[in-house]
């Protein structure tokens, strides 16, 4: 099974996105944060849909139609 590592940079970038969205809609920001965490955690499952990342040795998922998360 793959190992998912949430780097400090990932956490800081996600915090920036959540804070930006929360300025207009706190509920939407929290829902997006939860969705992204759930989906990133699911990357360890070999059957979870994802694609090869643009950076070698990484995977990408579309956490939301407006956001692409690399891992």
Protein backbone atom coordinates (compact mmCIF):
# COMPACT_ATOMS: atom_id res chain seq x y z
CA UNK A 1 0.00 0.00 0.00
CA UNK A 2 1.23 3.49 -0.80
CA UNK A 3 2.14 5.92 1.97
CA UNK A 4 0.59 9.38 1.92
CA UNK A 5 2.74 12.14 3.37
CA UNK A 6 1.17 15.52 4.03
CA UNK A 7 4.11 17.89 3.91
CA UNK A 8 4.36 21.16 5.79
CA UNK A 9 4.06 22.94 2.46
CA UNK A 10 0.83 21.06 1.68
CA UNK A 11 -0.63 22.03 5.05
CA UNK A 12 0.39 25.69 4.66
CA UNK A 13 -0.97 25.88 1.10
CA UNK A 14 -4.24 24.28 2.18
CA UNK A 15 -4.51 26.71 5.10
CA UNK A 16 -4.02 29.62 2.68
CA UNK A 17 -6.81 28.33 0.41
CA UNK A 18 -9.16 27.71 3.34
CA UNK A 19 -8.52 31.16 4.83
CA UNK A 20 -9.09 32.81 1.44
CA UNK A 21 -12.41 31.00 0.89
CA UNK A 22 -13.51 31.52 4.50
CA UNK A 23 -13.48 35.28 3.97
CA UNK A 24 -16.60 34.79 1.85
CA UNK A 25 -18.01 31.49 3.11
CA UNK A 26 -16.73 29.72 6.23
CA UNK A 27 -18.93 26.64 5.69
CA UNK A 28 -17.66 26.17 2.12
CA UNK A 29 -14.06 26.58 3.29
CA UNK A 30 -14.42 23.96 6.01
CA UNK A 31 -16.22 21.55 3.66
CA UNK A 32 -13.47 21.91 1.05
CA UNK A 33 -10.76 21.36 3.66
CA UNK A 34 -12.48 18.18 4.87
CA UNK A 35 -12.96 16.95 1.31
CA UNK A 36 -9.31 17.53 0.41
CA UNK A 37 -8.04 15.75 3.54
CA UNK A 38 -10.32 12.76 2.88
CA UNK A 39 -9.27 12.52 -0.74
CA UNK A 40 -5.54 12.92 -0.02
CA UNK A 41 -5.78 10.20 2.63
CA UNK A 42 -7.51 8.00 0.03
CA UNK A 43 -4.50 8.23 -2.29
CA UNK A 44 -2.99 5.31 -0.34
CA UNK A 45 -5.75 3.07 -1.74
CA UNK A 46 -4.50 1.67 -5.07
CA UNK A 47 -8.08 1.71 -6.42
CA UNK A 48 -8.65 5.39 -5.68
CA UNK A 49 -8.78 7.42 -8.94
CA UNK A 50 -5.75 9.61 -9.53
CA UNK A 51 -3.27 10.40 -12.25
CA UNK A 52 0.48 10.60 -12.50
CA UNK A 53 1.73 13.94 -11.29
CA UNK A 54 3.44 16.54 -13.41
CA UNK A 55 6.47 16.10 -11.14
CA UNK A 56 8.22 12.72 -11.33
CA UNK A 57 7.29 10.34 -8.54
CA UNK A 58 4.11 12.20 -7.58
CA UNK A 59 0.40 11.63 -7.97
CA UNK A 60 -2.36 14.17 -8.55
CA UNK A 61 -6.01 14.18 -7.72
CA UNK A 62 -8.76 16.60 -8.59
CA UNK A 63 -9.98 17.41 -5.08
CA UNK A 64 -12.53 19.85 -6.46
CA UNK A 65 -13.14 20.98 -10.05
CA UNK A 66 -11.46 24.30 -9.18
CA UNK A 67 -8.41 22.83 -7.42
CA UNK A 68 -5.78 20.26 -8.40
CA UNK A 69 -3.73 18.87 -5.53
CA UNK A 70 -0.32 17.34 -6.14
CA UNK A 71 1.19 14.88 -3.73
